[in-house]
Protein backbone atom coordinates (compact mmCIF):
# COMPACT_ATOMS: atom_id res chain seq x y z
CA MET A 1 0.02 -0.08 -0.02
CA GLU A 2 1.36 3.46 -0.99
CA LYS A 3 2.20 5.75 1.94
CA ILE A 4 1.13 9.25 0.86
CA GLN A 5 1.23 12.05 3.34
CA ALA A 6 -1.86 14.12 4.32
CA ARG A 7 -3.02 16.59 1.71
CA LYS A 8 -1.92 19.73 3.66
CA SER A 9 1.63 18.45 3.16
CA ALA A 10 3.81 20.13 0.36
CA SER A 11 5.29 16.68 -0.47
CA PHE A 12 4.49 12.90 -0.69
CA LYS A 13 6.17 9.54 -0.70
CA THR A 14 5.82 6.29 -2.19
CA ASP A 15 7.01 2.80 -1.07
CA TRP A 16 8.06 1.67 -4.50
CA SER A 17 10.92 4.20 -4.80
CA ASP A 18 12.51 2.67 -1.64
CA GLU A 19 12.24 -0.84 -3.26
CA HIS A 20 13.77 0.32 -6.34
CA PHE A 21 16.71 1.81 -4.61
CA SER A 22 17.28 -1.34 -2.57
CA ARG A 23 17.24 -3.29 -5.72
CA LEU A 24 19.81 -0.94 -7.24
CA GLU A 25 22.13 -1.18 -4.19
CA ASP A 26 22.08 -5.05 -4.55
CA SER A 27 23.21 -4.97 -8.15
CA LEU A 28 26.32 -2.70 -7.24
CA ASN A 29 28.45 -5.64 -6.03
CA GLY A 30 31.96 -4.62 -5.87
CA SER A 31 31.17 -0.74 -6.28
CA ALA A 32 29.00 -0.72 -3.27
CA GLY A 33 30.20 1.77 -0.66
CA GLY A 34 32.30 3.67 -3.50
CA ALA A 35 32.07 7.29 -4.74
CA TYR A 36 29.26 6.24 -7.19
CA HIS A 37 27.20 4.62 -4.64
CA LYS A 38 27.66 7.50 -2.19
CA PHE A 39 26.66 10.01 -4.90
CA LYS A 40 23.37 8.03 -5.57
CA GLN A 41 22.84 7.50 -1.71
CA LYS A 42 23.03 11.19 -1.05
CA ALA A 43 20.48 11.96 -3.66
CA PHE A 44 18.12 9.19 -2.24
CA ASP A 45 18.43 10.37 1.22
CA GLN A 46 17.64 13.87 0.08
CA PHE A 47 14.78 12.72 -2.10
CA ASN A 48 13.45 10.61 0.65
CA SER A 49 13.52 13.75 2.92
CA ASP A 50 11.77 15.98 0.39
CA GLY A 51 9.42 13.50 -1.23
CA PHE A 52 7.61 14.33 -4.51
CA PRO A 53 6.04 17.67 -4.63
CA THR A 54 2.31 18.37 -4.37
CA THR A 55 0.00 21.03 -5.37
CA LYS A 56 0.67 22.84 -1.93
CA ASN A 57 4.06 23.53 -3.44
CA GLU A 58 3.84 27.03 -5.26
CA ALA A 59 5.91 25.70 -8.14
CA TRP A 60 3.51 22.71 -8.47
CA LYS A 61 0.18 24.53 -7.93
CA TYR A 62 -1.32 23.47 -11.14
CA THR A 63 0.15 19.90 -11.70
CA ASN A 64 -0.73 17.00 -9.55
CA LEU A 65 1.52 13.94 -9.59
CA GLN A 66 -0.40 11.88 -6.81
CA PRO A 67 -3.04 10.24 -9.18
CA ILE A 68 -0.06 8.97 -11.32
CA LEU A 69 2.58 8.23 -8.82
CA LYS A 70 0.34 6.26 -6.37
CA THR A 71 0.66 3.34 -9.29
CA ASN A 72 3.26 0.81 -8.23
CA PHE A 73 5.72 1.17 -10.99
CA ARG A 74 8.25 -1.36 -11.60
CA PRO A 75 11.87 -0.84 -13.21
CA ALA A 76 11.73 -1.11 -16.88
CA ALA A 77 13.47 -4.00 -18.59
CA ALA A 78 17.01 -3.42 -20.05
CA ASN A 79 16.95 -5.97 -22.96
CA ALA A 80 13.61 -5.07 -24.44
CA SER A 81 13.07 -5.30 -28.35
CA VAL A 82 11.92 -2.41 -30.32
CA ASP A 83 10.18 -1.68 -33.74
CA GLU A 84 13.16 -0.73 -35.72
CA ASP A 85 11.05 0.61 -38.78
CA ARG A 86 9.46 3.15 -36.13
CA LEU A 87 12.81 4.10 -34.86
CA ALA A 88 14.35 4.61 -38.40
CA SER A 89 11.41 6.82 -39.14
CA CYS A 90 12.52 9.28 -36.23
CA LEU A 91 16.04 9.73 -37.62
CA LEU A 92 17.01 12.75 -39.58
CA GLY A 93 19.48 13.70 -42.38
CA GLU A 94 21.72 11.48 -44.66
CA LYS A 95 24.63 11.50 -42.14
CA LYS A 96 23.37 10.11 -38.84
CA LEU A 97 25.22 9.98 -35.58
CA VAL A 98 22.78 8.10 -33.22
CA ARG A 99 22.82 6.96 -29.69
CA VAL A 100 19.73 4.94 -28.76
CA PHE A 101 18.35 4.23 -25.17
CA VAL A 102 15.62 1.58 -24.71
CA ASN A 103 13.72 1.89 -21.24
CA GLY A 104 16.64 4.22 -20.06
CA PHE A 105 19.42 1.69 -20.90
CA PHE A 106 22.04 2.37 -23.69
CA SER A 107 21.73 0.05 -26.81
CA LYS A 108 25.04 -0.26 -28.43
CA GLU A 109 23.65 -2.59 -30.99
CA LEU A 110 20.79 -0.06 -32.11
CA SER A 111 23.26 2.82 -31.84
CA GLU A 112 25.79 1.21 -34.17
CA LYS A 113 23.08 -0.12 -36.56
CA PHE A 114 21.58 3.35 -37.10
CA SER A 115 24.66 5.39 -37.18
CA ASN A 116 26.42 5.66 -40.56
CA VAL A 117 29.20 8.04 -39.65
CA GLU A 118 32.20 7.51 -37.50
CA LEU A 119 32.56 9.46 -34.19
CA PRO A 120 34.08 12.77 -35.21
CA LYS A 121 37.48 13.77 -33.84
CA GLY A 122 37.35 15.80 -30.88
CA VAL A 123 34.31 14.04 -29.19
CA GLN A 124 34.21 11.22 -26.65
CA ILE A 125 31.12 9.40 -25.80
CA GLN A 126 30.76 6.83 -23.17
CA PRO A 127 28.02 5.36 -20.68
CA LEU A 128 27.53 7.56 -17.73
CA ALA A 129 28.07 4.75 -15.10
CA GLN A 130 31.36 4.03 -16.66
CA ALA A 131 32.30 7.81 -16.59
CA PHE A 132 31.10 7.99 -13.16
CA SER A 133 33.58 4.99 -12.15
CA GLY A 134 36.51 6.15 -14.21
CA GLU A 135 39.74 8.10 -13.60
CA ASP A 136 37.89 11.46 -14.02
CA ALA A 137 34.89 10.57 -11.67
CA ASP A 138 35.81 12.81 -8.83
CA ARG A 139 35.82 15.74 -11.06
CA LEU A 140 32.69 14.72 -12.99
CA PHE A 141 30.83 14.17 -9.45
CA GLU A 142 31.82 17.65 -8.33
CA LEU A 143 30.57 19.19 -11.71
CA VAL A 144 27.23 17.61 -11.58
CA LYS A 145 26.68 18.05 -7.86
CA GLY A 146 27.66 21.70 -8.26
CA SER A 147 24.88 22.28 -10.68
CA ASP A 148 22.30 20.58 -8.44
CA GLU A 149 22.71 22.92 -5.34
CA ARG A 150 19.10 23.74 -5.34
CA SER A 151 18.22 20.13 -4.77
CA GLU A 152 15.25 19.79 -7.01
CA PRO A 153 13.32 16.70 -6.16
CA LEU A 154 12.99 15.38 -9.76
CA VAL A 155 16.81 15.40 -10.17
CA ASN A 156 17.38 13.59 -6.71
CA PHE A 157 14.70 11.12 -7.70
CA ASN A 158 16.76 10.55 -10.93
CA THR A 159 20.14 10.49 -9.47
CA ALA A 160 19.35 7.96 -6.94
CA LEU A 161 17.68 5.55 -9.32
CA PHE A 162 19.36 5.95 -12.85
CA ARG A 163 21.21 2.93 -14.07
CA ASP A 164 22.63 4.24 -17.50
CA GLY A 165 23.09 7.32 -19.25
CA LEU A 166 25.39 9.04 -21.68
CA HIS A 167 28.63 11.32 -21.13
CA LEU A 168 29.37 13.38 -24.00
CA ASN A 169 32.71 15.48 -24.04
CA VAL A 170 33.54 17.82 -26.81
CA GLU A 171 37.14 18.93 -26.87
CA ALA A 172 38.31 22.56 -26.98
CA GLY A 173 37.95 24.01 -30.47
CA ALA A 174 36.04 21.01 -32.05
CA GLU A 175 33.12 21.96 -34.16
CA ILE A 176 30.70 18.93 -34.75
CA GLU A 177 28.70 19.55 -37.75
CA VAL A 178 26.58 16.19 -37.81
CA PRO A 179 23.91 16.53 -34.95
CA LEU A 180 24.05 14.02 -32.29
CA GLN A 181 20.54 12.13 -32.16
CA LEU A 182 19.49 10.62 -28.78
CA ILE A 183 16.58 8.48 -29.01
CA ALA A 184 14.85 7.49 -25.85
CA VAL A 185 12.48 4.66 -26.59
CA THR A 186 10.19 3.19 -23.83
CA THR A 187 8.47 -0.34 -24.51
CA SER A 188 6.26 -0.93 -21.43
CA GLY A 189 3.73 -3.15 -22.99
CA SER A 190 1.06 -3.92 -20.46
CA ASP A 191 3.34 -3.52 -17.62
CA LYS A 192 3.46 -0.15 -15.56
CA THR A 193 7.22 0.72 -15.58
CA VAL A 194 9.62 3.56 -14.70
CA SER A 195 12.93 4.56 -16.52
CA HIS A 196 15.57 7.01 -15.92
CA PRO A 197 17.42 8.20 -18.72
CA ARG A 198 20.31 10.91 -18.12
CA PHE A 199 22.97 12.65 -20.19
CA VAL A 200 25.73 14.93 -19.41
CA VAL A 201 27.27 17.03 -22.11
CA GLU A 202 30.62 18.95 -21.51
CA ALA A 203 31.56 21.48 -24.29
CA ALA A 204 35.04 22.82 -23.98
CA GLU A 205 36.23 26.33 -24.85
CA LYS A 206 35.19 27.46 -28.38
CA SER A 207 33.59 24.03 -29.19
CA SER A 208 30.24 23.47 -30.90
CA ILE A 209 27.70 20.66 -30.78
CA LYS A 210 24.02 20.07 -31.80
CA ILE A 211 21.89 17.55 -29.95
CA ILE A 212 18.41 16.25 -31.06
CA GLU A 213 16.78 14.37 -28.18
CA GLN A 214 13.51 12.29 -28.88
CA HIS A 215 11.22 10.54 -26.52
CA TYR A 216 8.61 8.12 -27.60
CA GLY A 217 6.74 5.10 -26.65
CA GLU A 218 6.50 1.92 -28.70
CA GLU A 219 3.04 1.09 -30.11
CA GLY A 220 0.92 -0.72 -27.46
CA SER A 221 2.72 0.69 -24.53
CA GLY A 222 0.68 1.29 -21.51
CA GLU A 223 1.18 3.41 -18.56
CA TYR A 224 4.77 4.34 -17.92
CA LEU A 225 6.89 7.09 -16.14
CA THR A 226 10.08 8.45 -17.49
CA SER A 227 12.26 10.30 -15.07
CA SER A 228 14.81 12.20 -17.49
CA VAL A 229 17.74 14.59 -16.45
CA GLY A 230 20.19 16.40 -18.72
CA HIS A 231 23.16 18.55 -17.95
CA ILE A 232 24.86 20.75 -20.36
CA PHE A 233 28.07 22.65 -19.34
CA ALA A 234 29.32 25.07 -21.86
CA GLU A 235 32.72 26.74 -21.33
CA ALA A 236 34.10 30.11 -22.58
CA GLY A 237 32.94 30.59 -26.29
CA ALA A 238 31.34 27.18 -26.51
CA ARG A 239 28.01 26.60 -28.50
CA VAL A 240 25.35 24.15 -27.80
CA GLU A 241 22.06 23.67 -29.51
CA HIS A 242 19.61 21.11 -27.86
CA VAL A 243 16.21 20.24 -29.25
CA LYS A 244 13.85 17.85 -27.42
CA VAL A 245 10.80 16.36 -29.10
CA GLN A 246 8.52 14.62 -26.79
CA LYS A 247 5.99 12.22 -28.43
CA ASP A 248 5.28 9.83 -25.57
CA SER A 249 2.26 7.30 -25.47
CA GLU A 250 -1.15 8.57 -24.28
CA LYS A 251 -0.89 7.04 -20.86
CA ALA A 252 2.66 8.11 -20.10
CA CYS A 253 4.17 10.51 -17.70
CA LEU A 254 7.50 12.41 -18.25
CA LEU A 255 9.36 14.27 -15.63
CA SER A 256 12.23 16.04 -17.36
CA THR A 257 14.78 18.43 -15.89
CA LEU A 258 17.54 20.06 -17.88
CA LYS A 259 20.43 21.92 -16.06
CA ILE A 260 22.53 24.35 -17.96
CA VAL A 261 25.76 26.20 -16.89
CA GLN A 262 27.38 28.76 -19.06
CA LYS A 263 30.55 30.50 -18.97
CA ASP A 264 31.89 33.70 -20.82
CA LYS A 265 30.70 34.28 -24.32
CA SER A 266 29.03 30.94 -24.52
CA HIS A 267 25.89 30.26 -26.49
CA VAL A 268 23.17 27.84 -25.49
CA GLU A 269 19.77 27.04 -27.07
CA THR A 270 17.17 24.59 -25.92
CA HIS A 271 13.78 24.01 -27.80
CA LEU A 272 11.12 21.92 -26.40
CA PHE A 273 8.18 20.49 -28.43
CA SER A 274 5.62 18.52 -26.19
CA LEU A 275 3.24 16.66 -28.38
CA GLY A 276 2.52 13.42 -26.57
CA GLY A 277 1.91 11.80 -23.20
CA ARG A 278 -0.75 12.06 -20.34
CA LEU A 279 1.20 14.34 -18.29
CA ALA A 280 4.79 15.98 -18.71
CA ARG A 281 6.55 18.32 -16.62
CA ASN A 282 9.60 20.17 -18.34
CA GLU A 283 11.97 22.19 -16.05
CA VAL A 284 14.84 24.14 -17.45
CA TYR A 285 17.43 25.87 -15.25
CA PRO A 286 19.97 27.93 -17.19
CA VAL A 287 22.64 29.68 -15.09
CA LEU A 288 24.51 32.44 -17.00
CA ASP A 289 27.72 32.20 -14.89
CA GLY A 290 29.96 34.21 -17.14
CA GLU A 291 29.91 37.58 -19.00
CA TYR A 292 28.53 37.98 -22.39
CA CYS A 293 26.60 34.72 -22.36
CA ASN A 294 23.50 34.29 -24.60
CA THR A 295 20.76 31.80 -23.80
CA VAL A 296 17.76 30.77 -25.79
CA VAL A 297 14.87 28.78 -24.11
CA ASN A 298 11.89 28.09 -26.45
CA GLY A 299 9.07 25.71 -26.32
CA LEU A 300 5.77 24.83 -28.30
CA THR A 301 3.12 22.65 -26.63
CA ILE A 302 0.31 21.11 -28.61
CA LEU A 303 -2.31 19.16 -26.54
CA SER A 304 -5.63 17.31 -26.99
CA ASP A 305 -8.09 15.10 -25.27
CA GLU A 306 -7.08 15.43 -21.34
CA GLN A 307 -3.37 15.90 -21.81
CA HIS A 308 -1.40 18.17 -19.36
CA VAL A 309 1.94 19.83 -19.81
CA ASP A 310 3.79 21.93 -17.50
CA ASN A 311 6.75 23.91 -18.51
CA TYR A 312 8.71 25.45 -15.69
CA THR A 313 11.63 27.59 -16.35
CA LEU A 314 14.20 29.49 -14.19
CA ILE A 315 16.85 31.62 -16.01
CA ASP A 316 19.54 32.89 -13.64
CA HIS A 317 21.61 35.85 -14.62
CA ALA A 318 24.55 35.64 -12.23
CA LEU A 319 27.06 38.03 -14.10
CA PRO A 320 26.82 41.15 -16.13
CA ASN A 321 26.44 41.74 -20.00
CA CYS A 322 24.38 38.73 -20.73
CA GLU A 323 21.18 38.11 -22.77
CA SER A 324 18.42 35.55 -22.49
CA ASN A 325 15.43 35.16 -24.85
CA GLU A 326 12.47 32.80 -24.01
CA LEU A 327 9.36 32.16 -26.08
CA PHE A 328 6.84 29.38 -25.16
CA LYS A 329 3.68 28.90 -27.21
CA GLY A 330 0.76 26.56 -26.59
CA ILE A 331 -2.26 25.22 -28.46
CA TYR A 332 -4.94 23.47 -26.34
CA ALA A 333 -7.89 21.54 -27.53
CA ASP A 334 -10.75 19.42 -26.07
CA LYS A 335 -9.97 19.19 -22.11
CA SER A 336 -6.24 19.73 -22.16
CA ARG A 337 -4.49 21.80 -19.75
CA GLY A 338 -1.12 24.00 -20.17
CA VAL A 339 0.92 25.41 -17.52
CA PHE A 340 3.73 27.94 -17.87
CA GLY A 341 5.73 29.22 -14.94
CA GLY A 342 8.86 31.10 -16.07
CA THR A 343 11.13 33.18 -13.83
CA ILE A 344 14.04 35.49 -14.76
CA ILE A 345 16.49 36.12 -11.97
CA VAL A 346 18.87 39.14 -12.27
CA ARG A 347 21.43 39.09 -9.56
CA PRO A 348 23.05 42.46 -8.20
CA ASP A 349 26.21 41.81 -10.10
CA ALA A 350 24.47 41.27 -13.34
CA GLN A 351 24.27 44.77 -14.75
CA LYS A 352 23.70 45.17 -18.47
CA THR A 353 21.25 42.27 -18.49
CA ASN A 354 18.89 41.94 -21.50
CA ALA A 355 16.23 39.34 -20.81
CA ILE A 356 13.10 38.93 -22.86
CA GLN A 357 10.32 36.50 -21.90
CA SER A 358 6.97 35.60 -23.78
CA ASN A 359 4.24 33.13 -23.34
CA LYS A 360 1.31 32.95 -25.70
CA SER A 361 -1.62 30.45 -25.93
CA ILE A 362 -4.55 29.72 -27.98
CA LEU A 363 -7.51 27.72 -26.76
CA LEU A 364 -9.38 25.61 -29.24
CA SER A 365 -12.18 24.59 -26.92
CA ASP A 366 -14.07 26.01 -24.07
CA ASP A 367 -13.00 23.15 -21.86
CA ALA A 368 -9.30 23.54 -22.52
CA SER A 369 -7.32 25.75 -20.10
CA VAL A 370 -4.04 27.40 -19.39
CA GLU A 371 -2.27 28.68 -16.31
CA THR A 372 0.72 31.15 -17.01
CA ARG A 373 2.99 32.89 -14.47
CA PRO A 374 5.72 34.92 -15.85
CA GLN A 375 8.04 36.36 -13.29
CA LEU A 376 10.91 38.82 -12.95
CA LYS A 377 13.00 39.03 -9.86
CA ILE A 378 15.66 41.87 -10.38
CA TRP A 379 18.37 43.11 -8.00
CA ALA A 380 20.10 45.19 -10.46
CA ASP A 381 19.41 48.70 -11.88
CA ASP A 382 20.89 48.85 -15.30
CA VAL A 383 18.89 46.24 -17.23
CA LYS A 384 16.41 45.67 -19.87
CA CYS A 385 13.96 43.02 -19.00
CA THR A 386 10.40 42.41 -20.37
CA HIS A 387 7.97 39.81 -19.89
CA GLY A 388 4.43 39.13 -21.06
CA ALA A 389 1.53 36.61 -21.56
CA THR A 390 -1.38 36.22 -23.71
CA VAL A 391 -4.34 33.82 -23.72
CA GLY A 392 -6.96 33.77 -26.32
CA GLN A 393 -8.87 32.16 -29.16
CA LEU A 394 -8.44 32.35 -32.83
CA ASP A 395 -8.80 35.72 -34.40
CA GLU A 396 -12.42 35.75 -35.59
CA GLU A 397 -11.74 38.42 -38.15
CA ALA A 398 -8.75 36.43 -39.72
CA LEU A 399 -11.08 33.30 -39.72
CA PHE A 400 -13.83 35.27 -41.37
CA TYR A 401 -11.50 36.63 -43.97
CA LEU A 402 -10.18 33.28 -44.95
CA ARG A 403 -13.75 31.69 -45.17
CA SER A 404 -15.01 34.41 -47.31
CA ARG A 405 -12.27 33.38 -49.71
CA GLY A 406 -13.92 29.95 -49.96
CA ILE A 407 -11.85 28.12 -47.45
CA SER A 408 -13.66 25.75 -45.20
CA LYS A 409 -13.56 26.52 -41.46
CA GLN A 410 -11.48 23.27 -40.77
CA ASP A 411 -8.99 24.41 -43.31
CA ALA A 412 -8.99 28.03 -42.13
CA THR A 413 -8.51 26.94 -38.55
CA GLY A 414 -5.67 24.87 -39.63
CA ILE A 415 -3.96 27.74 -41.58
CA LEU A 416 -4.12 30.05 -38.55
CA VAL A 417 -3.00 27.47 -36.00
CA ASP A 418 -0.17 26.49 -38.11
CA ALA A 419 0.83 30.04 -38.63
CA PHE A 420 0.78 30.58 -34.82
CA ALA A 421 3.24 27.56 -34.43
CA THR A 422 5.58 28.37 -37.16
CA ASP A 423 7.79 31.04 -35.61
CA VAL A 424 8.93 28.62 -33.00
CA VAL A 425 9.90 26.10 -35.42
CA GLU A 426 11.61 28.46 -37.91
CA GLN A 427 14.06 29.73 -35.25
CA LEU A 428 15.93 26.51 -35.85
CA GLU A 429 18.79 26.39 -38.50
CA ASN A 430 18.63 22.72 -39.45
CA GLU A 431 16.41 22.50 -42.34
CA GLU A 432 15.79 18.87 -42.05
CA LEU A 433 14.79 19.17 -38.47
CA VAL A 434 12.44 22.13 -39.46
CA ASP A 435 10.80 19.90 -41.97
CA PHE A 436 10.47 16.92 -39.48
CA LEU A 437 8.94 19.02 -36.95
CA ALA A 438 6.58 20.67 -39.23
CA LYS A 439 5.26 17.38 -40.37
CA GLU A 440 4.95 16.16 -36.72
CA ILE A 441 3.16 19.43 -35.84
CA ARG A 442 0.66 19.45 -38.74
CA SER A 443 -0.08 15.70 -38.30
CA LYS A 444 -1.00 16.52 -34.58
CA LEU A 445 -2.94 19.66 -35.49
CA ALA A 446 -4.93 17.80 -38.18
CA ARG A 447 -6.11 15.27 -35.65
CA ILE A 448 -7.17 17.99 -33.41
CA ILE A 449 -8.88 20.01 -35.89
CA SER A 450 -10.68 17.29 -37.61
């Protein structure tokens, strides 16, 4: 029986997470008691202390995890088979650098099968568990722990229970032209499973890398939970472009956190496209810890039925002369619900900050809803910061104009909604990715509008 604290509490706990950690400890064998084990034990102790957040927690006011997490999830299987044709349909470009994870576990076989280029010079990729037990483990532990100082419960949950992941290191000056495609496949069948994919990217001085991350569930997958954490460390002058496309199954729950730390003159972009799943929470925490940094955080959410997506961002301007641009758009149909909570922090030393935040939503149904909370917390006086949010329905005049030209209501609606979503997609430079996303978005919109 699940142990869930009283509703007045700002957190709750589950028995199955204790069981999963005990099972993980039993599998450590000779590494029990070592640095890797201690790293996970500390995270689990903190998670046990904090628990999962409830709606009594201000940052989770509109997203209730309890109905989902009271399910007795079991660890996902490591050696599950996947539909390779479906996987192939997700891949982009003629040149493919691919790393595949099935149920949170790295698949060397599938990664090699679907990659058709050698690993470029200046890049090292290895399993995360191997990196955490290698010669450089102490430095990597400190690097990751340093970016987790705020102790978010979702990060501690993943840190305690992840078994596999990816460590990507880009050497100084290396410019990697072929995007790295990370494919996270979940294949739960009728089981109720949980997986914990994780990646750590280190981009050294003046290096550049593009990452395309996709999450989807196999056909026939039932109720599953994915706890995903990513770290991006961009050193001086580095450039990292990250795109995540979430197309999970209709009963799935995704709890995703991305931590970003930037140094002088670095440029990091992350673009989040939320199209699937029953419930998703995307947390993004960029820290501009150098001068003349540039951060872009964009998102597009398209929901139908009773889907729920919560995008929560906190952009931390720690030093002067930095710029951040944030744009999140949402399209909500049927009884779906969107949540946007975006905070920009400008610290006392962060003079000459330029920060722009915008959230725009369209409701296609009277039963759809959106909650939006843009915030600025500024402790410097020489800054340019703006934020804004709009929620509305389709422009009736534009709809009338199109219909007066002989266009059906369904087609006219499709044209206007597609135009609303386009500017998020077109900020991407990769034409193959733009075409891929346009196809995915139009397919989802067509199902909604019809």
